[in-house]
Amino acid sequence: MSEGKLYYNISEVAEMLGVNASLLRYWETEFTELRPAKNKKGTRSYTQKDIDLLKRIHYLSKECGLTLEGTRQQLKSDKSPDKNMQIVDTLNELKNFLIQMKQNL
């Protein structure tokens, strides 16, 4: 999924996660740990660390159904990535690969 880039813009990250850019901006206001770099124009640049955190937030809030407060608490209490999150990530990558293969046929 990642192209080996150092920085990703908000639309690239939103596409990776399958969410709207507005949701990423909202999560920025809700999670103090999430602070992508911004240039003078306010354009966000996400690092792989930012993306990993966003994947974790997405997994906890969307896949596990936790509230934002529950997600915040889970992030604070457990710094290690959840094994299920990694499995879901792998399955989503596989799904995207298969969809791309089907489109190419």
PDB file of N, CA and C in Angstrom:
ATOM      1  N   MET A   1       0.816  -1.189   0.000  1.00  0.00           N
ATOM      2  CA  MET A   1       0.000   0.000   0.000  1.00  0.00           C
ATOM      3  C   MET A   1       0.858   1.250   0.000  1.00  0.00           C
ATOM      4  N   SER A   2       1.911   1.290   0.820  1.00  0.00           N
ATOM      5  CA  SER A   2       2.728   2.490   0.842  1.00  0.00           C
ATOM      6  C   SER A   2       3.748   2.435  -0.281  1.00  0.00           C
ATOM      7  N   GLU A   3       4.030   3.600  -0.835  1.00  0.00           N
ATOM      8  CA  GLU A   3       4.899   3.703  -1.997  1.00  0.00           C
ATOM      9  C   GLU A   3       6.333   4.021  -1.600  1.00  0.00           C
ATOM     10  N   GLY A   4       6.651   4.003  -0.302  1.00  0.00           N
ATOM     11  CA  GLY A   4       7.987   4.318   0.149  1.00  0.00           C
ATOM     12  C   GLY A   4       8.231   5.816   0.267  1.00  0.00           C
ATOM     13  N   LYS A   5       7.175   6.600   0.242  1.00  0.00           N
ATOM     14  CA  LYS A   5       7.299   8.043   0.375  1.00  0.00           C
ATOM     15  C   LYS A   5       7.507   8.402   1.836  1.00  0.00           C
ATOM     16  N   LEU A   6       8.109   9.568   2.074  1.00  0.00           N
ATOM     17  CA  LEU A   6       8.279  10.047   3.438  1.00  0.00           C
ATOM     18  C   LEU A   6       7.035  10.764   3.935  1.00  0.00           C
ATOM     19  N   TYR A   7       6.363  11.484   3.015  1.00  0.00           N
ATOM     20  CA  TYR A   7       5.197  12.265   3.393  1.00  0.00           C
ATOM     21  C   TYR A   7       4.053  12.023   2.424  1.00  0.00           C
ATOM     22  N   TYR A   8       2.846  12.044   2.967  1.00  0.00           N
ATOM     23  CA  TYR A   8       1.635  11.847   2.170  1.00  0.00           C
ATOM     24  C   TYR A   8       0.700  13.014   2.427  1.00  0.00           C
ATOM     25  N   ASN A   9      -0.037  13.441   1.401  1.00  0.00           N
ATOM     26  CA  ASN A   9      -1.002  14.514   1.608  1.00  0.00           C
ATOM     27  C   ASN A   9      -2.313  13.921   2.126  1.00  0.00           C
ATOM     28  N   ILE A  10      -3.205  14.794   2.528  1.00  0.00           N
ATOM     29  CA  ILE A  10      -4.437  14.351   3.186  1.00  0.00           C
ATOM     30  C   ILE A  10      -5.316  13.503   2.273  1.00  0.00           C
ATOM     31  N   SER A  11      -5.346  13.824   0.983  1.00  0.00           N
ATOM     32  CA  SER A  11      -6.193  13.034   0.078  1.00  0.00           C
ATOM     33  C   SER A  11      -5.633  11.622  -0.101  1.00  0.00           C
ATOM     34  N   GLU A  12      -4.314  11.480  -0.129  1.00  0.00           N
ATOM     35  CA  GLU A  12      -3.704  10.148  -0.238  1.00  0.00           C
ATOM     36  C   GLU A  12      -4.021   9.308   1.001  1.00  0.00           C
ATOM     37  N   VAL A  13      -3.916   9.925   2.161  1.00  0.00           N
ATOM     38  CA  VAL A  13      -4.175   9.205   3.413  1.00  0.00           C
ATOM     39  C   VAL A  13      -5.653   8.839   3.518  1.00  0.00           C
ATOM     40  N   ALA A  14      -6.517   9.773   3.145  1.00  0.00           N
ATOM     41  CA  ALA A  14      -7.958   9.501   3.181  1.00  0.00           C
ATOM     42  C   ALA A  14      -8.297   8.322   2.271  1.00  0.00           C
ATOM     43  N   GLU A  15      -7.688   8.284   1.111  1.00  0.00           N
ATOM     44  CA  GLU A  15      -7.925   7.169   0.181  1.00  0.00           C
ATOM     45  C   GLU A  15      -7.415   5.851   0.754  1.00  0.00           C
ATOM     46  N   MET A  16      -6.236   5.882   1.399  1.00  0.00           N
ATOM     47  CA  MET A  16      -5.685   4.667   2.014  1.00  0.00           C
ATOM     48  C   MET A  16      -6.657   4.071   3.024  1.00  0.00           C
ATOM     49  N   LEU A  17      -7.289   4.962   3.805  1.00  0.00           N
ATOM     50  CA  LEU A  17      -8.165   4.513   4.881  1.00  0.00           C
ATOM     51  C   LEU A  17      -9.613   4.354   4.442  1.00  0.00           C
ATOM     52  N   GLY A  18      -9.942   4.839   3.252  1.00  0.00           N
ATOM     53  CA  GLY A  18     -11.314   4.754   2.767  1.00  0.00           C
ATOM     54  C   GLY A  18     -12.261   5.683   3.511  1.00  0.00           C
ATOM     55  N   VAL A  19     -11.762   6.863   3.890  1.00  0.00           N
ATOM     56  CA  VAL A  19     -12.571   7.851   4.602  1.00  0.00           C
ATOM     57  C   VAL A  19     -12.451   9.200   3.900  1.00  0.00           C
ATOM     58  N   ASN A  20     -13.270  10.155   4.326  1.00  0.00           N
ATOM     59  CA  ASN A  20     -13.188  11.507   3.789  1.00  0.00           C
ATOM     60  C   ASN A  20     -12.069  12.285   4.481  1.00  0.00           C
ATOM     61  N   ALA A  21     -11.491  13.223   3.762  1.00  0.00           N
ATOM     62  CA  ALA A  21     -10.447  14.077   4.338  1.00  0.00           C
ATOM     63  C   ALA A  21     -10.988  14.854   5.534  1.00  0.00           C
ATOM     64  N   SER A  22     -12.265  15.195   5.506  1.00  0.00           N
ATOM     65  CA  SER A  22     -12.857  15.945   6.617  1.00  0.00           C
ATOM     66  C   SER A  22     -12.819  15.135   7.914  1.00  0.00           C
ATOM     67  N   LEU A  23     -12.950  13.815   7.813  1.00  0.00           N
ATOM     68  CA  LEU A  23     -12.871  12.972   9.000  1.00  0.00           C
ATOM     69  C   LEU A  23     -11.458  13.015   9.583  1.00  0.00           C
ATOM     70  N   LEU A  24     -10.452  13.018   8.721  1.00  0.00           N
ATOM     71  CA  LEU A  24      -9.070  13.098   9.201  1.00  0.00           C
ATOM     72  C   LEU A  24      -8.833  14.424   9.921  1.00  0.00           C
ATOM     73  N   ARG A  25      -9.354  15.508   9.356  1.00  0.00           N
ATOM     74  CA  ARG A  25      -9.211  16.813  10.004  1.00  0.00           C
ATOM     75  C   ARG A  25      -9.935  16.820  11.359  1.00  0.00           C
ATOM     76  N   TYR A  26     -11.097  16.186  11.418  1.00  0.00           N
ATOM     77  CA  TYR A  26     -11.841  16.098  12.672  1.00  0.00           C
ATOM     78  C   TYR A  26     -11.060  15.296  13.708  1.00  0.00           C
ATOM     79  N   TRP A  27     -10.540  14.156  13.305  1.00  0.00           N
ATOM     80  CA  TRP A  27      -9.759  13.336  14.241  1.00  0.00           C
ATOM     81  C   TRP A  27      -8.568  14.106  14.784  1.00  0.00           C
ATOM     82  N   GLU A  28      -8.004  14.993  13.972  1.00  0.00           N
ATOM     83  CA  GLU A  28      -6.902  15.828  14.427  1.00  0.00           C
ATOM     84  C   GLU A  28      -7.312  16.664  15.642  1.00  0.00           C
ATOM     85  N   THR A  29      -8.550  17.138  15.650  1.00  0.00           N
ATOM     86  CA  THR A  29      -9.028  17.954  16.772  1.00  0.00           C
ATOM     87  C   THR A  29      -9.339  17.095  17.988  1.00  0.00           C
ATOM     88  N   GLU A  30      -9.613  15.817  17.780  1.00  0.00           N
ATOM     89  CA  GLU A  30     -10.011  14.931  18.866  1.00  0.00           C
ATOM     90  C   GLU A  30      -8.857  14.162  19.511  1.00  0.00           C
ATOM     91  N   PHE A  31      -7.783  13.963  18.781  1.00  0.00           N
ATOM     92  CA  PHE A  31      -6.658  13.159  19.280  1.00  0.00           C
ATOM     93  C   PHE A  31      -5.386  14.006  19.272  1.00  0.00           C
ATOM     94  N   THR A  32      -4.928  14.364  20.474  1.00  0.00           N
ATOM     95  CA  THR A  32      -3.758  15.243  20.592  1.00  0.00           C
ATOM     96  C   THR A  32      -2.490  14.597  20.045  1.00  0.00           C
ATOM     97  N   GLU A  33      -2.462  13.268  19.994  1.00  0.00           N
ATOM     98  CA  GLU A  33      -1.282  12.563  19.476  1.00  0.00           C
ATOM     99  C   GLU A  33      -1.117  12.776  17.973  1.00  0.00           C
ATOM    100  N   LEU A  34      -2.206  13.113  17.307  1.00  0.00           N
ATOM    101  CA  LEU A  34      -2.205  13.252  15.852  1.00  0.00           C
ATOM    102  C   LEU A  34      -1.902  14.702  15.487  1.00  0.00           C
ATOM    103  N   ARG A  35      -0.688  14.943  15.027  1.00  0.00           N
ATOM    104  CA  ARG A  35      -0.269  16.280  14.642  1.00  0.00           C
ATOM    105  C   ARG A  35       0.581  16.228  13.372  1.00  0.00           C
ATOM    106  N   PRO A  36      -0.060  16.104  12.209  1.00  0.00           N
ATOM    107  CA  PRO A  36       0.735  16.106  10.982  1.00  0.00           C
ATOM    108  C   PRO A  36       1.383  17.470  10.769  1.00  0.00           C
ATOM    109  N   ALA A  37       2.527  17.468  10.124  1.00  0.00           N
ATOM    110  CA  ALA A  37       3.215  18.726   9.829  1.00  0.00           C
ATOM    111  C   ALA A  37       2.372  19.538   8.849  1.00  0.00           C
ATOM    112  N   LYS A  38       2.419  20.862   9.002  1.00  0.00           N
ATOM    113  CA  LYS A  38       1.688  21.746   8.091  1.00  0.00           C
ATOM    114  C   LYS A  38       2.655  22.803   7.573  1.00  0.00           C
ATOM    115  N   ASN A  39       2.490  23.138   6.287  1.00  0.00           N
ATOM    116  CA  ASN A  39       3.310  24.215   5.744  1.00  0.00           C
ATOM    117  C   ASN A  39       2.620  25.558   5.995  1.00  0.00           C
ATOM    118  N   LYS A  40       3.176  26.630   5.453  1.00  0.00           N
ATOM    119  CA  LYS A  40       2.623  27.963   5.689  1.00  0.00           C
ATOM    120  C   LYS A  40       1.195  28.101   5.173  1.00  0.00           C
ATOM    121  N   LYS A  41       0.863  27.345   4.135  1.00  0.00           N
ATOM    122  CA  LYS A  41      -0.486  27.397   3.572  1.00  0.00           C
ATOM    123  C   LYS A  41      -1.456  26.497   4.335  1.00  0.00           C
ATOM    124  N   GLY A  42      -0.949  25.704   5.278  1.00  0.00           N
ATOM    125  CA  GLY A  42      -1.806  24.818   6.064  1.00  0.00           C
ATOM    126  C   GLY A  42      -1.965  23.429   5.474  1.00  0.00           C
ATOM    127  N   THR A  43      -1.223  23.130   4.413  1.00  0.00           N
ATOM    128  CA  THR A  43      -1.288  21.810   3.796  1.00  0.00           C
ATOM    129  C   THR A  43      -0.628  20.785   4.716  1.00  0.00           C
ATOM    130  N   ARG A  44      -1.355  19.724   4.995  1.00  0.00           N
ATOM    131  CA  ARG A  44      -0.864  18.693   5.901  1.00  0.00           C
ATOM    132  C   ARG A  44       0.060  17.714   5.179  1.00  0.00           C
ATOM    133  N   SER A  45       1.095  17.274   5.909  1.00  0.00           N
ATOM    134  CA  SER A  45       2.004  16.235   5.434  1.00  0.00           C
ATOM    135  C   SER A  45       2.057  15.151   6.489  1.00  0.00           C
ATOM    136  N   TYR A  46       1.560  13.978   6.129  1.00  0.00           N
ATOM    137  CA  TYR A  46       1.488  12.858   7.058  1.00  0.00           C
ATOM    138  C   TYR A  46       2.696  11.950   6.893  1.00  0.00           C
ATOM    139  N   THR A  47       3.307  11.570   8.010  1.00  0.00           N
ATOM    140  CA  THR A  47       4.395  10.591   8.003  1.00  0.00           C
ATOM    141  C   THR A  47       3.796   9.200   8.167  1.00  0.00           C
ATOM    142  N   GLN A  48       4.622   8.188   8.030  1.00  0.00           N
ATOM    143  CA  GLN A  48       4.148   6.817   8.240  1.00  0.00           C
ATOM    144  C   GLN A  48       3.665   6.637   9.672  1.00  0.00           C
ATOM    145  N   LYS A  49       4.306   7.302  10.619  1.00  0.00           N
ATOM    146  CA  LYS A  49       3.882   7.229  12.022  1.00  0.00           C
ATOM    147  C   LYS A  49       2.466   7.794  12.170  1.00  0.00           C
ATOM    148  N   ASP A  50       2.189   8.931  11.509  1.00  0.00           N
ATOM    149  CA  ASP A  50       0.844   9.515  11.536  1.00  0.00           C
ATOM    150  C   ASP A  50      -0.177   8.542  10.939  1.00  0.00           C
ATOM    151  N   ILE A  51       0.192   7.920   9.833  1.00  0.00           N
ATOM    152  CA  ILE A  51      -0.706   6.986   9.146  1.00  0.00           C
ATOM    153  C   ILE A  51      -0.983   5.768  10.019  1.00  0.00           C
ATOM    154  N   ASP A  52       0.039   5.268  10.693  1.00  0.00           N
ATOM    155  CA  ASP A  52      -0.148   4.129  11.595  1.00  0.00           C
ATOM    156  C   ASP A  52      -1.123   4.485  12.720  1.00  0.00           C
ATOM    157  N   LEU A  53      -0.998   5.699  13.261  1.00  0.00           N
ATOM    158  CA  LEU A  53      -1.910   6.145  14.306  1.00  0.00           C
ATOM    159  C   LEU A  53      -3.330   6.270  13.755  1.00  0.00           C
ATOM    160  N   LEU A  54      -3.456   6.825  12.564  1.00  0.00           N
ATOM    161  CA  LEU A  54      -4.778   6.946  11.939  1.00  0.00           C
ATOM    162  C   LEU A  54      -5.404   5.582  11.682  1.00  0.00           C
ATOM    163  N   LYS A  55      -4.600   4.627  11.260  1.00  0.00           N
ATOM    164  CA  LYS A  55      -5.109   3.266  11.051  1.00  0.00           C
ATOM    165  C   LYS A  55      -5.625   2.689  12.358  1.00  0.00           C
ATOM    166  N   ARG A  56      -4.905   2.958  13.430  1.00  0.00           N
ATOM    167  CA  ARG A  56      -5.315   2.460  14.755  1.00  0.00           C
ATOM    168  C   ARG A  56      -6.627   3.122  15.190  1.00  0.00           C
ATOM    169  N   ILE A  57      -6.718   4.443  15.000  1.00  0.00           N
ATOM    170  CA  ILE A  57      -7.946   5.171  15.345  1.00  0.00           C
ATOM    171  C   ILE A  57      -9.111   4.635  14.520  1.00  0.00           C
ATOM    172  N   HIS A  58      -8.872   4.445  13.228  1.00  0.00           N
ATOM    173  CA  HIS A  58      -9.909   3.940  12.331  1.00  0.00           C
ATOM    174  C   HIS A  58     -10.366   2.554  12.776  1.00  0.00           C
ATOM    175  N   TYR A  59      -9.417   1.698  13.073  1.00  0.00           N
ATOM    176  CA  TYR A  59      -9.737   0.339  13.490  1.00  0.00           C
ATOM    177  C   TYR A  59     -10.577   0.348  14.771  1.00  0.00           C
ATOM    178  N   LEU A  60     -10.134   1.107  15.767  1.00  0.00           N
ATOM    179  CA  LEU A  60     -10.838   1.114  17.056  1.00  0.00           C
ATOM    180  C   LEU A  60     -12.223   1.735  16.957  1.00  0.00           C
ATOM    181  N   SER A  61     -12.340   2.817  16.192  1.00  0.00           N
ATOM    182  CA  SER A  61     -13.629   3.507  16.140  1.00  0.00           C
ATOM    183  C   SER A  61     -14.583   2.890  15.126  1.00  0.00           C
ATOM    184  N   LYS A  62     -14.079   2.466  13.991  1.00  0.00           N
ATOM    185  CA  LYS A  62     -14.961   1.949  12.940  1.00  0.00           C
ATOM    186  C   LYS A  62     -15.129   0.429  13.002  1.00  0.00           C
ATOM    187  N   GLU A  63     -14.038  -0.291  13.126  1.00  0.00           N
ATOM    188  CA  GLU A  63     -14.101  -1.752  13.124  1.00  0.00           C
ATOM    189  C   GLU A  63     -14.578  -2.313  14.472  1.00  0.00           C
ATOM    190  N   CYS A  64     -14.076  -1.730  15.566  1.00  0.00           N
ATOM    191  CA  CYS A  64     -14.440  -2.228  16.905  1.00  0.00           C
ATOM    192  C   CYS A  64     -15.659  -1.522  17.465  1.00  0.00           C
ATOM    193  N   GLY A  65     -16.038  -0.400  16.877  1.00  0.00           N
ATOM    194  CA  GLY A  65     -17.229   0.312  17.313  1.00  0.00           C
ATOM    195  C   GLY A  65     -17.066   1.117  18.591  1.00  0.00           C
ATOM    196  N   LEU A  66     -15.829   1.441  18.958  1.00  0.00           N
ATOM    197  CA  LEU A  66     -15.614   2.242  20.162  1.00  0.00           C
ATOM    198  C   LEU A  66     -16.006   3.697  19.907  1.00  0.00           C
ATOM    199  N   THR A  67     -16.432   4.373  20.968  1.00  0.00           N
ATOM    200  CA  THR A  67     -16.674   5.812  20.882  1.00  0.00           C
ATOM    201  C   THR A  67     -15.320   6.510  20.788  1.00  0.00           C
ATOM    202  N   LEU A  68     -15.333   7.804  20.512  1.00  0.00           N
ATOM    203  CA  LEU A  68     -14.064   8.537  20.469  1.00  0.00           C
ATOM    204  C   LEU A  68     -13.374   8.494  21.828  1.00  0.00           C
ATOM    205  N   GLU A  69     -14.154   8.626  22.905  1.00  0.00           N
ATOM    206  CA  GLU A  69     -13.566   8.547  24.243  1.00  0.00           C
ATOM    207  C   GLU A  69     -12.986   7.157  24.491  1.00  0.00           C
ATOM    208  N   GLY A  70     -13.701   6.122  24.090  1.00  0.00           N
ATOM    209  CA  GLY A  70     -13.190   4.761  24.224  1.00  0.00           C
ATOM    210  C   GLY A  70     -11.932   4.546  23.414  1.00  0.00           C
ATOM    211  N   THR A  71     -11.907   5.113  22.215  1.00  0.00           N
ATOM    212  CA  THR A  71     -10.715   5.019  21.367  1.00  0.00           C
ATOM    213  C   THR A  71      -9.546   5.739  22.023  1.00  0.00           C
ATOM    214  N   ARG A  72      -9.796   6.934  22.572  1.00  0.00           N
ATOM    215  CA  ARG A  72      -8.755   7.703  23.260  1.00  0.00           C
ATOM    216  C   ARG A  72      -8.173   6.893  24.419  1.00  0.00           C
ATOM    217  N   GLN A  73      -9.049   6.292  25.216  1.00  0.00           N
ATOM    218  CA  GLN A  73      -8.595   5.503  26.360  1.00  0.00           C
ATOM    219  C   GLN A  73      -7.797   4.290  25.922  1.00  0.00           C
ATOM    220  N   GLN A  74      -8.251   3.633  24.869  1.00  0.00           N
ATOM    221  CA  GLN A  74      -7.544   2.453  24.363  1.00  0.00           C
ATOM    222  C   GLN A  74      -6.148   2.833  23.858  1.00  0.00           C
ATOM    223  N   LEU A  75      -6.054   3.963  23.172  1.00  0.00           N
ATOM    224  CA  LEU A  75      -4.751   4.416  22.677  1.00  0.00           C
ATOM    225  C   LEU A  75      -3.800   4.706  23.821  1.00  0.00           C
ATOM    226  N   LYS A  76      -4.314   5.293  24.897  1.00  0.00           N
ATOM    227  CA  LYS A  76      -3.467   5.626  26.048  1.00  0.00           C
ATOM    228  C   LYS A  76      -3.045   4.386  26.815  1.00  0.00           C
ATOM    229  N   SER A  77      -3.934   3.398  26.917  1.00  0.00           N
ATOM    230  CA  SER A  77      -3.644   2.224  27.739  1.00  0.00           C
ATOM    231  C   SER A  77      -2.813   1.171  27.015  1.00  0.00           C
ATOM    232  N   ASP A  78      -2.896   1.137  25.694  1.00  0.00           N
ATOM    233  CA  ASP A  78      -2.218   0.076  24.940  1.00  0.00           C
ATOM    234  C   ASP A  78      -1.454   0.694  23.781  1.00  0.00           C
ATOM    235  N   LYS A  79      -0.155   0.803  23.945  1.00  0.00           N
ATOM    236  CA  LYS A  79       0.671   1.423  22.903  1.00  0.00           C
ATOM    237  C   LYS A  79       1.038   0.452  21.778  1.00  0.00           C
ATOM    238  N   SER A  80       0.909  -0.840  22.020  1.00  0.00           N
ATOM    239  CA  SER A  80       1.283  -1.804  20.981  1.00  0.00           C
ATOM    240  C   SER A  80       0.128  -2.003  20.009  1.00  0.00           C
ATOM    241  N   PRO A  81       0.437  -2.167  18.721  1.00  0.00           N
ATOM    242  CA  PRO A  81      -0.637  -2.381  17.739  1.00  0.00           C
ATOM    243  C   PRO A  81      -1.407  -3.665  18.029  1.00  0.00           C
ATOM    244  N   ASP A  82      -2.682  -3.620  17.831  1.00  0.00           N
ATOM    245  CA  ASP A  82      -3.544  -4.766  18.060  1.00  0.00           C
ATOM    246  C   ASP A  82      -3.358  -5.781  16.936  1.00  0.00           C
ATOM    247  N   LYS A  83      -3.243  -7.052  17.276  1.00  0.00           N
ATOM    248  CA  LYS A  83      -3.047  -8.118  16.283  1.00  0.00           C
ATOM    249  C   LYS A  83      -4.214  -8.172  15.303  1.00  0.00           C
ATOM    250  N   ASN A  84      -5.436  -7.997  15.818  1.00  0.00           N
ATOM    251  CA  ASN A  84      -6.594  -8.013  14.931  1.00  0.00           C
ATOM    252  C   ASN A  84      -6.538  -6.883  13.911  1.00  0.00           C
ATOM    253  N   MET A  85      -6.034  -5.716  14.320  1.00  0.00           N
ATOM    254  CA  MET A  85      -5.906  -4.586  13.405  1.00  0.00           C
ATOM    255  C   MET A  85      -4.965  -4.949  12.251  1.00  0.00           C
ATOM    256  N   GLN A  86      -3.895  -5.638  12.569  1.00  0.00           N
ATOM    257  CA  GLN A  86      -2.940  -6.051  11.543  1.00  0.00           C
ATOM    258  C   GLN A  86      -3.585  -7.053  10.582  1.00  0.00           C
ATOM    259  N   ILE A  87      -4.383  -7.943  11.109  1.00  0.00           N
ATOM    260  CA  ILE A  87      -5.076  -8.924  10.267  1.00  0.00           C
ATOM    261  C   ILE A  87      -6.067  -8.220   9.345  1.00  0.00           C
ATOM    262  N   VAL A  88      -6.836  -7.286   9.902  1.00  0.00           N
ATOM    263  CA  VAL A  88      -7.802  -6.528   9.096  1.00  0.00           C
ATOM    264  C   VAL A  88      -7.076  -5.748   8.005  1.00  0.00           C
ATOM    265  N   ASP A  89      -5.950  -5.144   8.353  1.00  0.00           N
ATOM    266  CA  ASP A  89      -5.133  -4.413   7.364  1.00  0.00           C
ATOM    267  C   ASP A  89      -4.711  -5.324   6.219  1.00  0.00           C
ATOM    268  N   THR A  90      -4.207  -6.492   6.566  1.00  0.00           N
ATOM    269  CA  THR A  90      -3.746  -7.441   5.558  1.00  0.00           C
ATOM    270  C   THR A  90      -4.891  -7.892   4.671  1.00  0.00           C
ATOM    271  N   LEU A  91      -6.032  -8.176   5.276  1.00  0.00           N
ATOM    272  CA  LEU A  91      -7.189  -8.596   4.488  1.00  0.00           C
ATOM    273  C   LEU A  91      -7.682  -7.482   3.566  1.00  0.00           C
ATOM    274  N   ASN A  92      -7.661  -6.242   4.042  1.00  0.00           N
ATOM    275  CA  ASN A  92      -8.056  -5.114   3.190  1.00  0.00           C
ATOM    276  C   ASN A  92      -7.102  -4.931   2.020  1.00  0.00           C
ATOM    277  N   GLU A  93      -5.813  -5.106   2.269  1.00  0.00           N
ATOM    278  CA  GLU A  93      -4.837  -5.017   1.181  1.00  0.00           C
ATOM    279  C   GLU A  93      -5.084  -6.119   0.154  1.00  0.00           C
ATOM    280  N   LEU A  94      -5.352  -7.324   0.637  1.00  0.00           N
ATOM    281  CA  LEU A  94      -5.642  -8.449  -0.254  1.00  0.00           C
ATOM    282  C   LEU A  94      -6.910  -8.174  -1.067  1.00  0.00           C
ATOM    283  N   LYS A  95      -7.930  -7.665  -0.413  1.00  0.00           N
ATOM    284  CA  LYS A  95      -9.180  -7.333  -1.097  1.00  0.00           C
ATOM    285  C   LYS A  95      -8.925  -6.308  -2.199  1.00  0.00           C
ATOM    286  N   ASN A  96      -8.184  -5.255  -1.890  1.00  0.00           N
ATOM    287  CA  ASN A  96      -7.881  -4.225  -2.885  1.00  0.00           C
ATOM    288  C   ASN A  96      -7.084  -4.794  -4.053  1.00  0.00           C
ATOM    289  N   PHE A  97      -6.156  -5.695  -3.746  1.00  0.00           N
ATOM    290  CA  PHE A  97      -5.360  -6.334  -4.789  1.00  0.00           C
ATOM    291  C   PHE A  97      -6.255  -7.150  -5.714  1.00  0.00           C
ATOM    292  N   LEU A  98      -7.162  -7.924  -5.126  1.00  0.00           N
ATOM    293  CA  LEU A  98      -8.060  -8.759  -5.937  1.00  0.00           C
ATOM    294  C   LEU A  98      -9.019  -7.912  -6.776  1.00  0.00           C
ATOM    295  N   ILE A  99      -9.506  -6.830  -6.207  1.00  0.00           N
ATOM    296  CA  ILE A  99     -10.373  -5.918  -6.976  1.00  0.00           C
ATOM    297  C   ILE A  99      -9.601  -5.338  -8.148  1.00  0.00           C
ATOM    298  N   GLN A 100      -8.374  -4.956  -7.919  1.00  0.00           N
ATOM    299  CA  GLN A 100      -7.542  -4.400  -8.993  1.00  0.00           C
ATOM    300  C   GLN A 100      -7.290  -5.454 -10.071  1.00  0.00           C
ATOM    301  N   MET A 101      -7.037  -6.692  -9.671  1.00  0.00           N
ATOM    302  CA  MET A 101      -6.838  -7.765 -10.638  1.00  0.00           C
ATOM    303  C   MET A 101      -8.090  -7.972 -11.485  1.00  0.00           C
ATOM    304  N   LYS A 102      -9.233  -7.974 -10.834  1.00  0.00           N
ATOM    305  CA  LYS A 102     -10.502  -8.166 -11.548  1.00  0.00           C
ATOM    306  C   LYS A 102     -10.728  -7.051 -12.567  1.00  0.00           C
ATOM    307  N   GLN A 103     -10.403  -5.834 -12.196  1.00  0.00           N
ATOM    308  CA  GLN A 103     -10.567  -4.688 -13.099  1.00  0.00           C
ATOM    309  C   GLN A 103      -9.621  -4.775 -14.293  1.00  0.00           C
ATOM    310  N   ASN A 104      -8.478  -5.382 -14.089  1.00  0.00           N
ATOM    311  CA  ASN A 104      -7.490  -5.503 -15.164  1.00  0.00           C
ATOM    312  C   ASN A 104      -7.797  -6.632 -16.134  1.00  0.00           C
ATOM    313  N   LEU A 105      -8.729  -7.506 -15.776  1.00  0.00           N
ATOM    314  CA  LEU A 105      -9.068  -8.633 -16.664  1.00  0.00           C
ATOM    315  C   LEU A 105      -9.948  -8.216 -17.812  1.00  0.00           C
TER     316      LEU A 105
END
